[in-house]
Amino acid sequence: MAAGIEETKACGREDNAKIIEETRQYIRDFDRNAQASTNATELYDKMLEVYPNRINPGALWALARALFP
């Protein structure tokens, strides 16, 4: 399942291997949770359990809604 990158980089964070791996893990977690979810709300809630402090949760909601219209 394809996942969009729903977050923008936090201001002040440098591009480095750690940030890239965090993004890859977020995408893997999104794909895993999307496969285990039956609707947008369930996916959104599962991702917020794992990533409660990510910036721009509205983008996550938009992506969840696009996946589960």
N, C-alpha and C. Protein backbone atom coordinates (compact mmCIF):
# COMPACT_ATOMS: atom_id res chain seq x y z
N MET A 1 0.86 -1.17 0.00
CA MET A 1 0.00 0.00 0.00
C MET A 1 0.90 1.23 0.00
N ALA A 2 0.61 2.18 -0.83
CA ALA A 2 1.44 3.38 -0.91
C ALA A 2 1.02 4.36 0.18
N ALA A 3 1.99 5.01 0.74
CA ALA A 3 1.70 6.03 1.75
C ALA A 3 2.31 7.34 1.31
N GLY A 4 1.58 8.41 1.53
CA GLY A 4 2.13 9.73 1.27
C GLY A 4 2.90 10.19 2.49
N ILE A 5 3.82 11.07 2.29
CA ILE A 5 4.52 11.64 3.41
C ILE A 5 3.69 12.81 3.89
N GLU A 6 3.05 12.64 5.04
CA GLU A 6 2.07 13.61 5.48
C GLU A 6 2.66 14.70 6.34
N GLU A 7 3.91 14.59 6.68
CA GLU A 7 4.50 15.58 7.55
C GLU A 7 5.47 16.45 6.77
N THR A 8 5.58 17.68 7.17
CA THR A 8 6.66 18.51 6.67
C THR A 8 7.73 18.52 7.75
N LYS A 9 8.94 18.72 7.35
CA LYS A 9 10.04 18.70 8.30
C LYS A 9 9.89 19.85 9.28
N ALA A 10 10.10 19.57 10.54
CA ALA A 10 10.02 20.61 11.57
C ALA A 10 11.11 21.64 11.31
N CYS A 11 10.75 22.87 11.47
CA CYS A 11 11.68 23.96 11.25
C CYS A 11 12.89 23.78 12.17
N GLY A 12 14.06 23.93 11.60
CA GLY A 12 15.27 23.81 12.39
C GLY A 12 15.91 22.44 12.39
N ARG A 13 15.21 21.43 11.88
CA ARG A 13 15.80 20.09 11.83
C ARG A 13 16.59 19.96 10.55
N GLU A 14 17.78 19.44 10.67
CA GLU A 14 18.63 19.25 9.50
C GLU A 14 18.26 17.96 8.79
N ASP A 15 18.53 17.92 7.49
CA ASP A 15 18.38 16.68 6.74
C ASP A 15 19.58 15.80 7.06
N ASN A 16 19.34 14.65 7.61
CA ASN A 16 20.43 13.71 7.87
C ASN A 16 19.87 12.30 7.87
N ALA A 17 20.73 11.33 8.01
CA ALA A 17 20.31 9.93 7.92
C ALA A 17 19.28 9.57 8.98
N LYS A 18 19.38 10.15 10.16
CA LYS A 18 18.41 9.86 11.23
C LYS A 18 17.01 10.31 10.83
N ILE A 19 16.91 11.50 10.29
CA ILE A 19 15.60 12.04 9.86
C ILE A 19 15.03 11.19 8.73
N ILE A 20 15.87 10.80 7.80
CA ILE A 20 15.41 9.97 6.68
C ILE A 20 14.89 8.64 7.20
N GLU A 21 15.60 8.02 8.14
CA GLU A 21 15.14 6.74 8.69
C GLU A 21 13.85 6.92 9.49
N GLU A 22 13.70 8.02 10.22
CA GLU A 22 12.44 8.28 10.94
C GLU A 22 11.28 8.38 9.96
N THR A 23 11.50 9.02 8.83
CA THR A 23 10.46 9.14 7.81
C THR A 23 10.12 7.78 7.22
N ARG A 24 11.12 6.99 6.94
CA ARG A 24 10.87 5.64 6.42
C ARG A 24 10.08 4.81 7.41
N GLN A 25 10.42 4.92 8.70
CA GLN A 25 9.68 4.16 9.72
C GLN A 25 8.24 4.63 9.80
N TYR A 26 8.03 5.94 9.70
CA TYR A 26 6.67 6.48 9.72
C TYR A 26 5.85 5.89 8.57
N ILE A 27 6.44 5.82 7.39
CA ILE A 27 5.74 5.26 6.23
C ILE A 27 5.45 3.78 6.44
N ARG A 28 6.42 3.03 6.97
CA ARG A 28 6.17 1.60 7.25
C ARG A 28 5.04 1.44 8.26
N ASP A 29 5.04 2.27 9.30
CA ASP A 29 3.98 2.20 10.31
C ASP A 29 2.63 2.59 9.70
N PHE A 30 2.63 3.60 8.85
CA PHE A 30 1.40 4.00 8.18
C PHE A 30 0.85 2.84 7.35
N ASP A 31 1.70 2.22 6.54
CA ASP A 31 1.25 1.11 5.70
C ASP A 31 0.71 -0.04 6.54
N ARG A 32 1.43 -0.38 7.61
CA ARG A 32 0.99 -1.48 8.48
C ARG A 32 -0.36 -1.15 9.12
N ASN A 33 -0.51 0.06 9.64
CA ASN A 33 -1.77 0.45 10.28
C ASN A 33 -2.90 0.59 9.26
N ALA A 34 -2.59 1.04 8.06
CA ALA A 34 -3.61 1.16 7.02
C ALA A 34 -4.16 -0.22 6.67
N GLN A 35 -3.29 -1.20 6.58
CA GLN A 35 -3.74 -2.56 6.25
C GLN A 35 -4.59 -3.16 7.37
N ALA A 36 -4.35 -2.73 8.59
CA ALA A 36 -5.08 -3.28 9.74
C ALA A 36 -6.32 -2.46 10.08
N SER A 37 -6.58 -1.39 9.36
CA SER A 37 -7.71 -0.50 9.65
C SER A 37 -8.84 -0.72 8.67
N THR A 38 -10.04 -0.37 9.11
CA THR A 38 -11.21 -0.51 8.25
C THR A 38 -11.83 0.83 7.86
N ASN A 39 -11.32 1.92 8.46
CA ASN A 39 -11.85 3.24 8.12
C ASN A 39 -10.83 4.32 8.49
N ALA A 40 -11.09 5.53 8.04
CA ALA A 40 -10.15 6.64 8.23
C ALA A 40 -9.93 6.96 9.71
N THR A 41 -10.98 6.95 10.49
CA THR A 41 -10.85 7.28 11.91
C THR A 41 -9.96 6.27 12.63
N GLU A 42 -10.16 5.01 12.34
CA GLU A 42 -9.34 3.97 12.97
C GLU A 42 -7.86 4.15 12.61
N LEU A 43 -7.57 4.39 11.34
CA LEU A 43 -6.19 4.59 10.91
C LEU A 43 -5.60 5.83 11.57
N TYR A 44 -6.32 6.91 11.57
CA TYR A 44 -5.87 8.15 12.19
C TYR A 44 -5.55 7.94 13.67
N ASP A 45 -6.45 7.30 14.39
CA ASP A 45 -6.25 7.05 15.81
C ASP A 45 -5.04 6.15 16.07
N LYS A 46 -4.86 5.13 15.25
CA LYS A 46 -3.71 4.23 15.41
C LYS A 46 -2.40 4.98 15.20
N MET A 47 -2.37 5.85 14.20
CA MET A 47 -1.14 6.59 13.94
C MET A 47 -0.86 7.60 15.06
N LEU A 48 -1.90 8.22 15.59
CA LEU A 48 -1.69 9.16 16.68
C LEU A 48 -1.25 8.46 17.96
N GLU A 49 -1.61 7.19 18.14
CA GLU A 49 -1.12 6.43 19.30
C GLU A 49 0.39 6.26 19.21
N VAL A 50 0.88 6.00 18.00
CA VAL A 50 2.31 5.76 17.79
C VAL A 50 3.09 7.07 17.70
N TYR A 51 2.48 8.08 17.09
CA TYR A 51 3.14 9.37 16.84
C TYR A 51 2.28 10.51 17.38
N PRO A 52 2.15 10.64 18.68
CA PRO A 52 1.26 11.67 19.23
C PRO A 52 1.77 13.10 19.06
N ASN A 53 3.05 13.28 18.80
CA ASN A 53 3.62 14.63 18.74
C ASN A 53 4.09 15.05 17.36
N ARG A 54 3.69 14.32 16.33
CA ARG A 54 4.10 14.72 14.97
C ARG A 54 3.41 16.01 14.59
N ILE A 55 4.11 16.81 13.79
CA ILE A 55 3.50 18.07 13.36
C ILE A 55 2.47 17.79 12.27
N ASN A 56 1.52 18.66 12.14
CA ASN A 56 0.52 18.65 11.09
C ASN A 56 -0.38 17.40 11.08
N PRO A 57 -1.11 17.13 12.16
CA PRO A 57 -2.02 15.98 12.16
C PRO A 57 -3.16 16.13 11.14
N GLY A 58 -3.41 17.35 10.69
CA GLY A 58 -4.44 17.54 9.67
C GLY A 58 -4.07 16.86 8.36
N ALA A 59 -2.80 16.85 8.04
CA ALA A 59 -2.35 16.16 6.83
C ALA A 59 -2.53 14.66 6.97
N LEU A 60 -2.29 14.13 8.16
CA LEU A 60 -2.54 12.70 8.41
C LEU A 60 -4.01 12.39 8.21
N TRP A 61 -4.88 13.24 8.72
CA TRP A 61 -6.32 13.02 8.56
C TRP A 61 -6.71 13.06 7.08
N ALA A 62 -6.17 14.00 6.34
CA ALA A 62 -6.47 14.08 4.90
C ALA A 62 -6.02 12.82 4.17
N LEU A 63 -4.86 12.32 4.52
CA LEU A 63 -4.36 11.10 3.89
C LEU A 63 -5.21 9.89 4.27
N ALA A 64 -5.60 9.79 5.52
CA ALA A 64 -6.47 8.69 5.96
C ALA A 64 -7.80 8.75 5.23
N ARG A 65 -8.36 9.95 5.09
CA ARG A 65 -9.63 10.12 4.36
C ARG A 65 -9.50 9.79 2.88
N ALA A 66 -8.35 10.08 2.30
CA ALA A 66 -8.13 9.74 0.89
C ALA A 66 -8.05 8.23 0.71
N LEU A 67 -7.48 7.56 1.69
CA LEU A 67 -7.35 6.11 1.60
C LEU A 67 -8.67 5.41 1.88
N PHE A 68 -9.46 5.97 2.78
CA PHE A 68 -10.78 5.43 3.13
C PHE A 68 -11.84 6.50 2.89
N PRO A 69 -12.24 6.72 1.63
CA PRO A 69 -13.21 7.79 1.33
C PRO A 69 -14.58 7.54 1.95
